[in-house]
Amino acid sequence: MATTLTSKGQVTIPKQIRDALNLAPGCSVDFSVNREGDVVIHKVAARLSRQPDRFESARGKADVKWRTDDLMALLRSESEG
């Protein structure tokens, strides 16, 4: 099964190959060339122990529902005093 290389060096992975490797949009793949010169594509396994985002622990933690006017009044009163 042939495909065409674009001017950006991209190709579409044929559906039979995507299905065989269980590839979906967003999946990572790895390419290598074996001794015979064949290109081999591998699905990259999802990392089970990904490094946490440095902001992850802070996300969704605010439990105070500030109104803009109240927050601005608080900020202004501190900067004036």
PDB file of N, CA and C in Angstrom:
ATOM      1  N   MET A   1       0.837  -1.161   0.000  1.00  0.00           N
ATOM      2  CA  MET A   1       0.000   0.000   0.000  1.00  0.00           C
ATOM      3  C   MET A   1       0.884   1.225   0.000  1.00  0.00           C
ATOM      4  N   ALA A   2       0.705   2.044  -0.991  1.00  0.00           N
ATOM      5  CA  ALA A   2       1.546   3.220  -1.179  1.00  0.00           C
ATOM      6  C   ALA A   2       0.834   4.468  -0.681  1.00  0.00           C
ATOM      7  N   THR A   3       1.630   5.451  -0.313  1.00  0.00           N
ATOM      8  CA  THR A   3       1.110   6.754   0.089  1.00  0.00           C
ATOM      9  C   THR A   3       2.054   7.806  -0.455  1.00  0.00           C
ATOM     10  N   THR A   4       1.643   9.056  -0.436  1.00  0.00           N
ATOM     11  CA  THR A   4       2.434  10.126  -1.024  1.00  0.00           C
ATOM     12  C   THR A   4       3.000  11.029   0.061  1.00  0.00           C
ATOM     13  N   LEU A   5       4.257  11.381  -0.087  1.00  0.00           N
ATOM     14  CA  LEU A   5       4.933  12.279   0.831  1.00  0.00           C
ATOM     15  C   LEU A   5       4.548  13.717   0.486  1.00  0.00           C
ATOM     16  N   THR A   6       4.147  14.502   1.506  1.00  0.00           N
ATOM     17  CA  THR A   6       3.788  15.899   1.260  1.00  0.00           C
ATOM     18  C   THR A   6       5.035  16.761   1.216  1.00  0.00           C
ATOM     19  N   SER A   7       4.871  18.020   0.856  1.00  0.00           N
ATOM     20  CA  SER A   7       6.004  18.941   0.800  1.00  0.00           C
ATOM     21  C   SER A   7       6.587  19.191   2.192  1.00  0.00           C
ATOM     22  N   LYS A   8       5.810  18.903   3.253  1.00  0.00           N
ATOM     23  CA  LYS A   8       6.292  19.057   4.624  1.00  0.00           C
ATOM     24  C   LYS A   8       6.902  17.770   5.165  1.00  0.00           C
ATOM     25  N   GLY A   9       7.024  16.751   4.332  1.00  0.00           N
ATOM     26  CA  GLY A   9       7.613  15.489   4.766  1.00  0.00           C
ATOM     27  C   GLY A   9       6.644  14.606   5.535  1.00  0.00           C
ATOM     28  N   GLN A  10       5.350  14.824   5.378  1.00  0.00           N
ATOM     29  CA  GLN A  10       4.347  14.062   6.098  1.00  0.00           C
ATOM     30  C   GLN A  10       3.700  13.010   5.211  1.00  0.00           C
ATOM     31  N   VAL A  11       3.274  11.928   5.842  1.00  0.00           N
ATOM     32  CA  VAL A  11       2.512  10.892   5.134  1.00  0.00           C
ATOM     33  C   VAL A  11       1.318  10.499   6.001  1.00  0.00           C
ATOM     34  N   THR A  12       0.315   9.947   5.364  1.00  0.00           N
ATOM     35  CA  THR A  12      -0.821   9.407   6.098  1.00  0.00           C
ATOM     36  C   THR A  12      -0.550   7.935   6.336  1.00  0.00           C
ATOM     37  N   ILE A  13      -0.671   7.509   7.587  1.00  0.00           N
ATOM     38  CA  ILE A  13      -0.495   6.085   7.902  1.00  0.00           C
ATOM     39  C   ILE A  13      -1.763   5.379   7.422  1.00  0.00           C
ATOM     40  N   PRO A  14      -1.623   4.393   6.552  1.00  0.00           N
ATOM     41  CA  PRO A  14      -2.805   3.708   6.026  1.00  0.00           C
ATOM     42  C   PRO A  14      -3.671   3.106   7.146  1.00  0.00           C
ATOM     43  N   LYS A  15      -4.980   3.078   6.898  1.00  0.00           N
ATOM     44  CA  LYS A  15      -5.944   2.616   7.896  1.00  0.00           C
ATOM     45  C   LYS A  15      -5.632   1.208   8.383  1.00  0.00           C
ATOM     46  N   GLN A  16      -5.220   0.314   7.505  1.00  0.00           N
ATOM     47  CA  GLN A  16      -4.908  -1.061   7.927  1.00  0.00           C
ATOM     48  C   GLN A  16      -3.800  -1.067   8.984  1.00  0.00           C
ATOM     49  N   ILE A  17      -2.812  -0.211   8.807  1.00  0.00           N
ATOM     50  CA  ILE A  17      -1.708  -0.137   9.765  1.00  0.00           C
ATOM     51  C   ILE A  17      -2.189   0.498  11.067  1.00  0.00           C
ATOM     52  N   ARG A  18      -2.950   1.594  10.955  1.00  0.00           N
ATOM     53  CA  ARG A  18      -3.489   2.243  12.172  1.00  0.00           C
ATOM     54  C   ARG A  18      -4.331   1.268  12.974  1.00  0.00           C
ATOM     55  N   ASP A  19      -5.149   0.500  12.284  1.00  0.00           N
ATOM     56  CA  ASP A  19      -5.991  -0.493  12.971  1.00  0.00           C
ATOM     57  C   ASP A  19      -5.143  -1.586  13.615  1.00  0.00           C
ATOM     58  N   ALA A  20      -4.126  -2.064  12.900  1.00  0.00           N
ATOM     59  CA  ALA A  20      -3.281  -3.148  13.416  1.00  0.00           C
ATOM     60  C   ALA A  20      -2.518  -2.719  14.666  1.00  0.00           C
ATOM     61  N   LEU A  21      -2.098  -1.445  14.717  1.00  0.00           N
ATOM     62  CA  LEU A  21      -1.356  -0.936  15.866  1.00  0.00           C
ATOM     63  C   LEU A  21      -2.262  -0.267  16.898  1.00  0.00           C
ATOM     64  N   ASN A  22      -3.564  -0.242  16.603  1.00  0.00           N
ATOM     65  CA  ASN A  22      -4.543   0.403  17.485  1.00  0.00           C
ATOM     66  C   ASN A  22      -4.167   1.867  17.718  1.00  0.00           C
ATOM     67  N   LEU A  23      -3.868   2.569  16.624  1.00  0.00           N
ATOM     68  CA  LEU A  23      -3.496   3.977  16.694  1.00  0.00           C
ATOM     69  C   LEU A  23      -4.737   4.849  16.581  1.00  0.00           C
ATOM     70  N   ALA A  24      -4.794   5.869  17.389  1.00  0.00           N
ATOM     71  CA  ALA A  24      -5.887   6.827  17.356  1.00  0.00           C
ATOM     72  C   ALA A  24      -5.273   8.219  17.327  1.00  0.00           C
ATOM     73  N   PRO A  25      -6.043   9.232  16.957  1.00  0.00           N
ATOM     74  CA  PRO A  25      -5.495  10.589  16.959  1.00  0.00           C
ATOM     75  C   PRO A  25      -4.892  10.923  18.321  1.00  0.00           C
ATOM     76  N   GLY A  26      -3.698  11.486  18.301  1.00  0.00           N
ATOM     77  CA  GLY A  26      -3.012  11.841  19.535  1.00  0.00           C
ATOM     78  C   GLY A  26      -2.038  10.784  20.034  1.00  0.00           C
ATOM     79  N   CYS A  27      -2.082   9.577  19.470  1.00  0.00           N
ATOM     80  CA  CYS A  27      -1.145   8.526  19.874  1.00  0.00           C
ATOM     81  C   CYS A  27       0.264   8.900  19.421  1.00  0.00           C
ATOM     82  N   SER A  28       1.238   8.536  20.222  1.00  0.00           N
ATOM     83  CA  SER A  28       2.632   8.750  19.847  1.00  0.00           C
ATOM     84  C   SER A  28       3.153   7.509  19.140  1.00  0.00           C
ATOM     85  N   VAL A  29       3.966   7.736  18.121  1.00  0.00           N
ATOM     86  CA  VAL A  29       4.586   6.638  17.388  1.00  0.00           C
ATOM     87  C   VAL A  29       6.087   6.887  17.305  1.00  0.00           C
ATOM     88  N   ASP A  30       6.823   5.813  17.097  1.00  0.00           N
ATOM     89  CA  ASP A  30       8.269   5.884  16.979  1.00  0.00           C
ATOM     90  C   ASP A  30       8.669   5.200  15.682  1.00  0.00           C
ATOM     91  N   PHE A  31       9.589   5.805  14.948  1.00  0.00           N
ATOM     92  CA  PHE A  31      10.065   5.239  13.691  1.00  0.00           C
ATOM     93  C   PHE A  31      11.513   4.805  13.855  1.00  0.00           C
ATOM     94  N   SER A  32      11.862   3.701  13.206  1.00  0.00           N
ATOM     95  CA  SER A  32      13.248   3.256  13.172  1.00  0.00           C
ATOM     96  C   SER A  32      13.498   2.585  11.830  1.00  0.00           C
ATOM     97  N   VAL A  33      14.769   2.410  11.508  1.00  0.00           N
ATOM     98  CA  VAL A  33      15.153   1.729  10.272  1.00  0.00           C
ATOM     99  C   VAL A  33      15.949   0.492  10.675  1.00  0.00           C
ATOM    100  N   ASN A  34      15.510  -0.689  10.196  1.00  0.00           N
ATOM    101  CA  ASN A  34      16.211  -1.921  10.552  1.00  0.00           C
ATOM    102  C   ASN A  34      17.405  -2.153   9.625  1.00  0.00           C
ATOM    103  N   ARG A  35      18.120  -3.249   9.826  1.00  0.00           N
ATOM    104  CA  ARG A  35      19.343  -3.535   9.046  1.00  0.00           C
ATOM    105  C   ARG A  35      19.092  -3.683   7.554  1.00  0.00           C
ATOM    106  N   GLU A  36      17.889  -4.105   7.218  1.00  0.00           N
ATOM    107  CA  GLU A  36      17.550  -4.279   5.802  1.00  0.00           C
ATOM    108  C   GLU A  36      17.136  -2.970   5.145  1.00  0.00           C
ATOM    109  N   GLY A  37      17.048  -1.888   5.944  1.00  0.00           N
ATOM    110  CA  GLY A  37      16.649  -0.595   5.401  1.00  0.00           C
ATOM    111  C   GLY A  37      15.149  -0.357   5.432  1.00  0.00           C
ATOM    112  N   ASP A  38      14.403  -1.253   6.077  1.00  0.00           N
ATOM    113  CA  ASP A  38      12.957  -1.085   6.189  1.00  0.00           C
ATOM    114  C   ASP A  38      12.629  -0.134   7.328  1.00  0.00           C
ATOM    115  N   VAL A  39      11.655   0.708   7.098  1.00  0.00           N
ATOM    116  CA  VAL A  39      11.185   1.602   8.157  1.00  0.00           C
ATOM    117  C   VAL A  39      10.186   0.838   9.005  1.00  0.00           C
ATOM    118  N   VAL A  40      10.369   0.914  10.316  1.00  0.00           N
ATOM    119  CA  VAL A  40       9.488   0.215  11.252  1.00  0.00           C
ATOM    120  C   VAL A  40       8.819   1.270  12.127  1.00  0.00           C
ATOM    121  N   ILE A  41       7.515   1.134  12.290  1.00  0.00           N
ATOM    122  CA  ILE A  41       6.765   2.066  13.129  1.00  0.00           C
ATOM    123  C   ILE A  41       6.255   1.309  14.347  1.00  0.00           C
ATOM    124  N   HIS A  42       6.418   1.919  15.513  1.00  0.00           N
ATOM    125  CA  HIS A  42       5.965   1.318  16.765  1.00  0.00           C
ATOM    126  C   HIS A  42       5.059   2.304  17.483  1.00  0.00           C
ATOM    127  N   LYS A  43       4.014   1.800  18.080  1.00  0.00           N
ATOM    128  CA  LYS A  43       3.192   2.633  18.944  1.00  0.00           C
ATOM    129  C   LYS A  43       3.950   2.818  20.253  1.00  0.00           C
ATOM    130  N   VAL A  44       4.061   4.058  20.716  1.00  0.00           N
ATOM    131  CA  VAL A  44       4.747   4.343  21.966  1.00  0.00           C
ATOM    132  C   VAL A  44       3.760   4.109  23.100  1.00  0.00           C
ATOM    133  N   ALA A  45       4.161   3.259  24.046  1.00  0.00           N
ATOM    134  CA  ALA A  45       3.289   2.955  25.178  1.00  0.00           C
ATOM    135  C   ALA A  45       3.105   4.209  26.017  1.00  0.00           C
ATOM    136  N   ALA A  46       1.900   4.411  26.498  1.00  0.00           N
ATOM    137  CA  ALA A  46       1.630   5.556  27.377  1.00  0.00           C
ATOM    138  C   ALA A  46       2.437   5.398  28.649  1.00  0.00           C
ATOM    139  N   ARG A  47       3.014   6.474  29.096  1.00  0.00           N
ATOM    140  CA  ARG A  47       3.804   6.434  30.326  1.00  0.00           C
ATOM    141  C   ARG A  47       2.873   6.333  31.521  1.00  0.00           C
ATOM    142  N   LEU A  48       3.099   5.341  32.343  1.00  0.00           N
ATOM    143  CA  LEU A  48       2.274   5.155  33.525  1.00  0.00           C
ATOM    144  C   LEU A  48       2.682   6.106  34.639  1.00  0.00           C
ATOM    145  N   SER A  49       3.947   6.437  34.693  1.00  0.00           N
ATOM    146  CA  SER A  49       4.422   7.311  35.759  1.00  0.00           C
ATOM    147  C   SER A  49       4.891   8.635  35.170  1.00  0.00           C
ATOM    148  N   ARG A  50       3.943   9.368  34.598  1.00  0.00           N
ATOM    149  CA  ARG A  50       4.323  10.648  34.012  1.00  0.00           C
ATOM    150  C   ARG A  50       4.658  11.643  35.110  1.00  0.00           C
ATOM    151  N   GLN A  51       5.556  12.529  34.795  1.00  0.00           N
ATOM    152  CA  GLN A  51       5.960  13.537  35.772  1.00  0.00           C
ATOM    153  C   GLN A  51       4.819  14.520  35.940  1.00  0.00           C
ATOM    154  N   PRO A  52       4.408  14.778  37.172  1.00  0.00           N
ATOM    155  CA  PRO A  52       3.268  15.670  37.372  1.00  0.00           C
ATOM    156  C   PRO A  52       3.596  17.102  36.963  1.00  0.00           C
ATOM    157  N   ASP A  53       2.607  17.762  36.460  1.00  0.00           N
ATOM    158  CA  ASP A  53       2.715  19.164  36.100  1.00  0.00           C
ATOM    159  C   ASP A  53       2.950  19.966  37.378  1.00  0.00           C
ATOM    160  N   ARG A  54       3.840  20.943  37.340  1.00  0.00           N
ATOM    161  CA  ARG A  54       4.157  21.683  38.556  1.00  0.00           C
ATOM    162  C   ARG A  54       2.972  22.492  39.079  1.00  0.00           C
ATOM    163  N   PHE A  55       1.952  22.697  38.260  1.00  0.00           N
ATOM    164  CA  PHE A  55       0.778  23.438  38.693  1.00  0.00           C
ATOM    165  C   PHE A  55      -0.395  22.508  39.034  1.00  0.00           C
ATOM    166  N   GLU A  56      -0.218  21.211  38.838  1.00  0.00           N
ATOM    167  CA  GLU A  56      -1.302  20.243  39.032  1.00  0.00           C
ATOM    168  C   GLU A  56      -1.915  20.311  40.427  1.00  0.00           C
ATOM    169  N   SER A  57      -1.094  20.443  41.456  1.00  0.00           N
ATOM    170  CA  SER A  57      -1.614  20.442  42.819  1.00  0.00           C
ATOM    171  C   SER A  57      -2.447  21.685  43.122  1.00  0.00           C
ATOM    172  N   ALA A  58      -2.245  22.758  42.363  1.00  0.00           N
ATOM    173  CA  ALA A  58      -2.985  23.996  42.625  1.00  0.00           C
ATOM    174  C   ALA A  58      -4.273  24.100  41.818  1.00  0.00           C
ATOM    175  N   ARG A  59      -4.422  23.307  40.787  1.00  0.00           N
ATOM    176  CA  ARG A  59      -5.595  23.410  39.925  1.00  0.00           C
ATOM    177  C   ARG A  59      -6.873  23.038  40.664  1.00  0.00           C
ATOM    178  N   GLY A  60      -7.870  23.880  40.511  1.00  0.00           N
ATOM    179  CA  GLY A  60      -9.183  23.592  41.059  1.00  0.00           C
ATOM    180  C   GLY A  60      -9.267  23.679  42.564  1.00  0.00           C
ATOM    181  N   LYS A  61      -8.337  24.347  43.222  1.00  0.00           N
ATOM    182  CA  LYS A  61      -8.315  24.369  44.677  1.00  0.00           C
ATOM    183  C   LYS A  61      -8.996  25.604  45.268  1.00  0.00           C
ATOM    184  N   ALA A  62      -9.229  26.631  44.472  1.00  0.00           N
ATOM    185  CA  ALA A  62      -9.832  27.849  45.020  1.00  0.00           C
ATOM    186  C   ALA A  62     -11.293  27.582  45.366  1.00  0.00           C
ATOM    187  N   ASP A  63     -11.646  27.817  46.615  1.00  0.00           N
ATOM    188  CA  ASP A  63     -13.030  27.592  47.019  1.00  0.00           C
ATOM    189  C   ASP A  63     -13.731  28.895  47.363  1.00  0.00           C
ATOM    190  N   VAL A  64     -13.046  30.027  47.196  1.00  0.00           N
ATOM    191  CA  VAL A  64     -13.645  31.334  47.435  1.00  0.00           C
ATOM    192  C   VAL A  64     -14.143  31.862  46.101  1.00  0.00           C
ATOM    193  N   LYS A  65     -15.398  32.229  46.058  1.00  0.00           N
ATOM    194  CA  LYS A  65     -15.984  32.763  44.831  1.00  0.00           C
ATOM    195  C   LYS A  65     -15.950  34.290  44.911  1.00  0.00           C
ATOM    196  N   TRP A  66     -14.902  34.880  44.365  1.00  0.00           N
ATOM    197  CA  TRP A  66     -14.752  36.327  44.415  1.00  0.00           C
ATOM    198  C   TRP A  66     -15.596  36.977  43.339  1.00  0.00           C
ATOM    199  N   ARG A  67     -16.214  38.062  43.697  1.00  0.00           N
ATOM    200  CA  ARG A  67     -16.852  38.921  42.708  1.00  0.00           C
ATOM    201  C   ARG A  67     -15.806  39.947  42.326  1.00  0.00           C
ATOM    202  N   THR A  68     -15.790  40.341  41.098  1.00  0.00           N
ATOM    203  CA  THR A  68     -14.769  41.262  40.609  1.00  0.00           C
ATOM    204  C   THR A  68     -14.745  42.557  41.416  1.00  0.00           C
ATOM    205  N   ASP A  69     -15.928  43.131  41.688  1.00  0.00           N
ATOM    206  CA  ASP A  69     -15.978  44.391  42.438  1.00  0.00           C
ATOM    207  C   ASP A  69     -15.400  44.233  43.840  1.00  0.00           C
ATOM    208  N   ASP A  70     -15.705  43.117  44.504  1.00  0.00           N
ATOM    209  CA  ASP A  70     -15.181  42.881  45.857  1.00  0.00           C
ATOM    210  C   ASP A  70     -13.663  42.718  45.844  1.00  0.00           C
ATOM    211  N   LEU A  71     -13.171  41.980  44.871  1.00  0.00           N
ATOM    212  CA  LEU A  71     -11.734  41.765  44.768  1.00  0.00           C
ATOM    213  C   LEU A  71     -11.001  43.074  44.478  1.00  0.00           C
ATOM    214  N   MET A  72     -11.543  43.866  43.562  1.00  0.00           N
ATOM    215  CA  MET A  72     -10.912  45.145  43.237  1.00  0.00           C
ATOM    216  C   MET A  72     -10.919  46.080  44.443  1.00  0.00           C
ATOM    217  N   ALA A  73     -12.014  46.086  45.204  1.00  0.00           N
ATOM    218  CA  ALA A  73     -12.076  46.930  46.406  1.00  0.00           C
ATOM    219  C   ALA A  73     -11.028  46.485  47.419  1.00  0.00           C
ATOM    220  N   LEU A  74     -10.874  45.183  47.582  1.00  0.00           N
ATOM    221  CA  LEU A  74      -9.870  44.665  48.505  1.00  0.00           C
ATOM    222  C   LEU A  74      -8.460  45.039  48.067  1.00  0.00           C
ATOM    223  N   LEU A  75      -8.180  44.881  46.794  1.00  0.00           N
ATOM    224  CA  LEU A  75      -6.857  45.206  46.268  1.00  0.00           C
ATOM    225  C   LEU A  75      -6.571  46.700  46.373  1.00  0.00           C
ATOM    226  N   ARG A  76      -7.562  47.523  46.094  1.00  0.00           N
ATOM    227  CA  ARG A  76      -7.365  48.981  46.148  1.00  0.00           C
ATOM    228  C   ARG A  76      -7.166  49.437  47.591  1.00  0.00           C
ATOM    229  N   SER A  77      -7.903  48.871  48.508  1.00  0.00           N
ATOM    230  CA  SER A  77      -7.789  49.325  49.890  1.00  0.00           C
ATOM    231  C   SER A  77      -6.416  48.985  50.469  1.00  0.00           C
ATOM    232  N   GLU A  78      -5.825  47.865  50.074  1.00  0.00           N
ATOM    233  CA  GLU A  78      -4.494  47.506  50.552  1.00  0.00           C
ATOM    234  C   GLU A  78      -3.408  48.386  49.939  1.00  0.00           C
ATOM    235  N   SER A  79      -3.582  48.727  48.677  1.00  0.00           N
ATOM    236  CA  SER A  79      -2.551  49.530  48.016  1.00  0.00           C
ATOM    237  C   SER A  79      -2.610  51.000  48.438  1.00  0.00           C
ATOM    238  N   GLU A  80      -3.780  51.474  48.905  1.00  0.00           N
ATOM    239  CA  GLU A  80      -3.905  52.860  49.339  1.00  0.00           C
ATOM    240  C   GLU A  80      -3.410  53.044  50.765  1.00  0.00           C
ATOM    241  N   GLY A  81      -3.449  51.999  51.587  1.00  0.00           N
ATOM    242  CA  GLY A  81      -3.131  52.123  52.996  1.00  0.00           C
ATOM    243  C   GLY A  81      -1.711  51.963  53.244  1.00  0.00           C
TER     244      GLY A  81
END
